[in-house]
Amino acid sequence: IVMFDHKYKRLIKEEDVRVKFGVDPSRVVDVQALAGDTADGIPGVPGIGLKRGAELIQRFGDLESLIENIDKVERVSTRKSLEENIEMHVYLKCLQY
């Protein structure tokens, strides 16, 4: 699958997505559910941007596994922010499908 990045006027391939987001294309929606997307008005989990979101998804595989293993998130501030905000982001992820 290839898509066109209208901002930079270039084609984006799967490897480009992996480089930009740090995850496979199928997991970008999980990262964005955590990091948010200001262009689309989707708030992120406070303290989690694209980099940390990608790290979490790389480690846990997907958003659902992250939620199931939230107690295994070492960074206390990240774990607390996830616990306090995750329900809204699971809902927002569902809307993106």
N, C-alpha and C. Protein backbone atom coordinates (compact mmCIF):
# COMPACT_ATOMS: atom_id res chain seq x y z
N ILE A 1 0.86 -1.17 0.00
CA ILE A 1 0.00 0.00 0.00
C ILE A 1 0.89 1.22 0.00
N VAL A 2 0.53 2.19 -0.79
CA VAL A 2 1.26 3.45 -0.88
C VAL A 2 0.23 4.56 -0.73
N MET A 3 0.61 5.62 -0.02
CA MET A 3 -0.29 6.75 0.06
C MET A 3 0.48 8.02 -0.26
N PHE A 4 -0.25 9.06 -0.59
CA PHE A 4 0.35 10.32 -0.98
C PHE A 4 0.30 11.29 0.19
N ASP A 5 1.46 11.82 0.56
CA ASP A 5 1.56 12.84 1.61
C ASP A 5 1.41 14.19 0.94
N HIS A 6 0.23 14.78 1.10
CA HIS A 6 -0.05 16.05 0.41
C HIS A 6 0.77 17.20 0.98
N LYS A 7 1.18 17.11 2.24
CA LYS A 7 1.97 18.16 2.86
C LYS A 7 3.35 18.26 2.21
N TYR A 8 3.99 17.10 2.01
CA TYR A 8 5.34 17.08 1.45
C TYR A 8 5.38 16.67 -0.02
N LYS A 9 4.19 16.44 -0.60
CA LYS A 9 4.08 16.11 -2.03
C LYS A 9 4.96 14.92 -2.41
N ARG A 10 4.78 13.82 -1.67
CA ARG A 10 5.55 12.61 -1.98
C ARG A 10 4.75 11.37 -1.61
N LEU A 11 5.16 10.26 -2.19
CA LEU A 11 4.54 8.98 -1.86
C LEU A 11 5.13 8.45 -0.56
N ILE A 12 4.28 7.85 0.24
CA ILE A 12 4.71 7.25 1.50
C ILE A 12 4.48 5.75 1.41
N LYS A 13 5.54 4.99 1.63
CA LYS A 13 5.46 3.53 1.62
C LYS A 13 5.47 3.02 3.06
N GLU A 14 5.26 1.72 3.21
CA GLU A 14 5.20 1.12 4.54
C GLU A 14 6.45 1.44 5.35
N GLU A 15 7.61 1.35 4.74
CA GLU A 15 8.86 1.62 5.47
C GLU A 15 8.92 3.07 5.93
N ASP A 16 8.38 4.00 5.14
CA ASP A 16 8.34 5.40 5.55
C ASP A 16 7.49 5.58 6.81
N VAL A 17 6.40 4.83 6.90
CA VAL A 17 5.53 4.88 8.08
C VAL A 17 6.28 4.35 9.29
N ARG A 18 7.00 3.25 9.10
CA ARG A 18 7.78 2.68 10.21
C ARG A 18 8.83 3.68 10.72
N VAL A 19 9.48 4.38 9.80
CA VAL A 19 10.48 5.37 10.19
C VAL A 19 9.83 6.54 10.91
N LYS A 20 8.73 7.05 10.38
CA LYS A 20 8.09 8.23 10.96
C LYS A 20 7.43 7.93 12.31
N PHE A 21 6.70 6.82 12.39
CA PHE A 21 5.92 6.51 13.60
C PHE A 21 6.56 5.46 14.49
N GLY A 22 7.53 4.71 13.98
CA GLY A 22 8.18 3.69 14.78
C GLY A 22 7.40 2.40 14.92
N VAL A 23 6.32 2.27 14.17
CA VAL A 23 5.48 1.07 14.21
C VAL A 23 5.02 0.73 12.80
N ASP A 24 4.49 -0.48 12.64
CA ASP A 24 3.91 -0.87 11.36
C ASP A 24 2.68 0.00 11.06
N PRO A 25 2.34 0.16 9.80
CA PRO A 25 1.17 0.96 9.44
C PRO A 25 -0.11 0.55 10.16
N SER A 26 -0.27 -0.72 10.43
CA SER A 26 -1.49 -1.19 11.11
C SER A 26 -1.56 -0.73 12.56
N ARG A 27 -0.47 -0.25 13.13
CA ARG A 27 -0.43 0.17 14.53
C ARG A 27 -0.40 1.70 14.69
N VAL A 28 -0.38 2.43 13.59
CA VAL A 28 -0.35 3.89 13.66
C VAL A 28 -1.57 4.42 14.41
N VAL A 29 -2.72 3.83 14.20
CA VAL A 29 -3.94 4.28 14.89
C VAL A 29 -3.80 4.12 16.39
N ASP A 30 -3.07 3.09 16.85
CA ASP A 30 -2.83 2.92 18.29
C ASP A 30 -1.95 4.04 18.83
N VAL A 31 -0.89 4.35 18.09
CA VAL A 31 0.01 5.43 18.50
C VAL A 31 -0.74 6.75 18.54
N GLN A 32 -1.55 7.02 17.52
CA GLN A 32 -2.28 8.28 17.49
C GLN A 32 -3.36 8.35 18.55
N ALA A 33 -3.93 7.21 18.94
CA ALA A 33 -4.90 7.22 20.03
C ALA A 33 -4.23 7.63 21.33
N LEU A 34 -2.94 7.32 21.48
CA LEU A 34 -2.20 7.71 22.67
C LEU A 34 -1.68 9.15 22.57
N ALA A 35 -1.10 9.48 21.42
CA ALA A 35 -0.46 10.78 21.25
C ALA A 35 -1.45 11.88 20.90
N GLY A 36 -2.57 11.51 20.32
CA GLY A 36 -3.54 12.50 19.87
C GLY A 36 -3.17 13.04 18.50
N ASP A 37 -4.05 13.84 17.96
CA ASP A 37 -3.84 14.43 16.64
C ASP A 37 -4.52 15.79 16.64
N THR A 38 -3.74 16.84 16.83
CA THR A 38 -4.33 18.18 16.94
C THR A 38 -5.04 18.60 15.65
N ALA A 39 -4.54 18.13 14.51
CA ALA A 39 -5.17 18.49 13.23
C ALA A 39 -6.61 17.97 13.15
N ASP A 40 -6.86 16.83 13.78
CA ASP A 40 -8.19 16.23 13.77
C ASP A 40 -8.95 16.47 15.07
N GLY A 41 -8.35 17.25 15.98
CA GLY A 41 -9.03 17.56 17.23
C GLY A 41 -9.11 16.39 18.19
N ILE A 42 -8.17 15.47 18.09
CA ILE A 42 -8.16 14.30 18.98
C ILE A 42 -7.13 14.56 20.08
N PRO A 43 -7.58 14.67 21.32
CA PRO A 43 -6.63 14.92 22.41
C PRO A 43 -5.82 13.66 22.69
N GLY A 44 -4.57 13.84 23.06
CA GLY A 44 -3.74 12.69 23.42
C GLY A 44 -3.77 12.47 24.92
N VAL A 45 -3.16 11.37 25.32
CA VAL A 45 -2.97 11.12 26.74
C VAL A 45 -1.88 12.10 27.18
N PRO A 46 -2.15 12.93 28.20
CA PRO A 46 -1.15 13.91 28.63
C PRO A 46 0.20 13.25 28.93
N GLY A 47 1.25 13.84 28.39
CA GLY A 47 2.60 13.31 28.61
C GLY A 47 3.03 12.26 27.62
N ILE A 48 2.15 11.89 26.70
CA ILE A 48 2.51 10.88 25.70
C ILE A 48 2.42 11.51 24.31
N GLY A 49 3.57 11.58 23.67
CA GLY A 49 3.64 12.07 22.30
C GLY A 49 3.86 10.90 21.36
N LEU A 50 4.20 11.21 20.12
CA LEU A 50 4.40 10.15 19.13
C LEU A 50 5.53 9.20 19.53
N LYS A 51 6.62 9.75 20.06
CA LYS A 51 7.76 8.90 20.40
C LYS A 51 7.41 7.93 21.53
N ARG A 52 6.88 8.43 22.63
CA ARG A 52 6.54 7.55 23.75
C ARG A 52 5.40 6.61 23.36
N GLY A 53 4.42 7.12 22.61
CA GLY A 53 3.33 6.26 22.15
C GLY A 53 3.85 5.10 21.33
N ALA A 54 4.78 5.39 20.42
CA ALA A 54 5.38 4.33 19.59
C ALA A 54 6.15 3.34 20.45
N GLU A 55 6.89 3.84 21.45
CA GLU A 55 7.63 2.95 22.34
C GLU A 55 6.69 2.00 23.08
N LEU A 56 5.57 2.53 23.55
CA LEU A 56 4.60 1.70 24.26
C LEU A 56 3.98 0.64 23.35
N ILE A 57 3.63 1.05 22.13
CA ILE A 57 3.02 0.10 21.18
C ILE A 57 4.05 -0.92 20.73
N GLN A 58 5.30 -0.50 20.54
CA GLN A 58 6.36 -1.47 20.20
C GLN A 58 6.49 -2.52 21.30
N ARG A 59 6.45 -2.08 22.53
CA ARG A 59 6.64 -2.99 23.66
C ARG A 59 5.44 -3.91 23.86
N PHE A 60 4.22 -3.34 23.81
CA PHE A 60 3.04 -4.11 24.16
C PHE A 60 2.29 -4.66 22.94
N GLY A 61 2.60 -4.20 21.75
CA GLY A 61 2.01 -4.75 20.53
C GLY A 61 0.83 -3.97 20.00
N ASP A 62 -0.09 -3.58 20.87
CA ASP A 62 -1.25 -2.81 20.45
C ASP A 62 -1.87 -2.15 21.68
N LEU A 63 -2.85 -1.28 21.44
CA LEU A 63 -3.47 -0.53 22.52
C LEU A 63 -4.17 -1.44 23.52
N GLU A 64 -4.83 -2.47 23.03
CA GLU A 64 -5.55 -3.38 23.91
C GLU A 64 -4.59 -4.11 24.86
N SER A 65 -3.45 -4.55 24.34
CA SER A 65 -2.46 -5.23 25.18
C SER A 65 -1.83 -4.27 26.18
N LEU A 66 -1.63 -3.03 25.77
CA LEU A 66 -1.12 -2.02 26.69
C LEU A 66 -2.07 -1.84 27.86
N ILE A 67 -3.35 -1.74 27.56
CA ILE A 67 -4.35 -1.55 28.62
C ILE A 67 -4.37 -2.76 29.56
N GLU A 68 -4.30 -3.96 28.99
CA GLU A 68 -4.30 -5.17 29.81
C GLU A 68 -3.07 -5.27 30.70
N ASN A 69 -1.98 -4.63 30.28
CA ASN A 69 -0.72 -4.71 31.02
C ASN A 69 -0.26 -3.36 31.54
N ILE A 70 -1.20 -2.49 31.80
CA ILE A 70 -0.87 -1.13 32.21
C ILE A 70 -0.01 -1.10 33.46
N ASP A 71 -0.15 -2.10 34.32
CA ASP A 71 0.65 -2.18 35.54
C ASP A 71 2.12 -2.47 35.25
N LYS A 72 2.46 -2.88 34.03
CA LYS A 72 3.84 -3.16 33.64
C LYS A 72 4.55 -1.95 33.05
N VAL A 73 3.86 -0.83 32.92
CA VAL A 73 4.49 0.41 32.43
C VAL A 73 5.36 0.93 33.58
N GLU A 74 6.68 0.97 33.35
CA GLU A 74 7.61 1.32 34.42
C GLU A 74 7.52 2.79 34.85
N ARG A 75 7.44 3.66 33.89
CA ARG A 75 7.45 5.10 34.22
C ARG A 75 6.14 5.46 34.93
N VAL A 76 6.25 5.87 36.18
CA VAL A 76 5.08 6.12 37.02
C VAL A 76 4.18 7.20 36.43
N SER A 77 4.77 8.29 35.96
CA SER A 77 3.95 9.39 35.41
C SER A 77 3.19 8.94 34.16
N THR A 78 3.81 8.13 33.34
CA THR A 78 3.14 7.61 32.14
C THR A 78 2.02 6.66 32.53
N ARG A 79 2.30 5.75 33.46
CA ARG A 79 1.28 4.80 33.91
C ARG A 79 0.08 5.53 34.50
N LYS A 80 0.33 6.52 35.34
CA LYS A 80 -0.75 7.28 35.97
C LYS A 80 -1.58 8.02 34.92
N SER A 81 -0.90 8.64 33.97
CA SER A 81 -1.62 9.37 32.91
C SER A 81 -2.47 8.42 32.07
N LEU A 82 -1.93 7.24 31.77
CA LEU A 82 -2.69 6.23 31.03
C LEU A 82 -3.92 5.80 31.82
N GLU A 83 -3.73 5.52 33.10
CA GLU A 83 -4.84 5.06 33.93
C GLU A 83 -5.95 6.11 34.01
N GLU A 84 -5.56 7.37 34.06
CA GLU A 84 -6.54 8.45 34.20
C GLU A 84 -7.23 8.82 32.89
N ASN A 85 -6.63 8.47 31.76
CA ASN A 85 -7.14 8.96 30.47
C ASN A 85 -7.45 7.89 29.44
N ILE A 86 -7.17 6.65 29.69
CA ILE A 86 -7.22 5.64 28.65
C ILE A 86 -8.62 5.38 28.10
N GLU A 87 -9.65 5.47 28.90
CA GLU A 87 -10.99 5.15 28.39
C GLU A 87 -11.38 6.04 27.21
N MET A 88 -11.09 7.33 27.29
CA MET A 88 -11.43 8.24 26.19
C MET A 88 -10.66 7.86 24.93
N HIS A 89 -9.44 7.42 25.07
CA HIS A 89 -8.62 7.13 23.90
C HIS A 89 -8.98 5.80 23.25
N VAL A 90 -9.45 4.86 24.04
CA VAL A 90 -9.97 3.62 23.45
C VAL A 90 -11.21 3.96 22.63
N TYR A 91 -12.06 4.82 23.16
CA TYR A 91 -13.26 5.26 22.44
C TYR A 91 -12.87 5.98 21.15
N LEU A 92 -11.91 6.88 21.22
CA LEU A 92 -11.49 7.61 20.03
C LEU A 92 -10.88 6.69 18.98
N LYS A 93 -10.15 5.67 19.42
CA LYS A 93 -9.60 4.72 18.47
C LYS A 93 -10.73 4.00 17.73
N CYS A 94 -11.76 3.63 18.45
CA CYS A 94 -12.91 2.97 17.82
C CYS A 94 -13.54 3.85 16.76
N LEU A 95 -13.59 5.15 17.00
CA LEU A 95 -14.17 6.07 16.03
C LEU A 95 -13.34 6.17 14.76
N GLN A 96 -12.03 5.93 14.87
CA GLN A 96 -11.15 6.06 13.72
C GLN A 96 -11.32 4.92 12.73
N TYR A 97 -11.89 3.80 13.14
CA TYR A 97 -12.05 2.66 12.23
C TYR A 97 -13.16 2.87 11.28
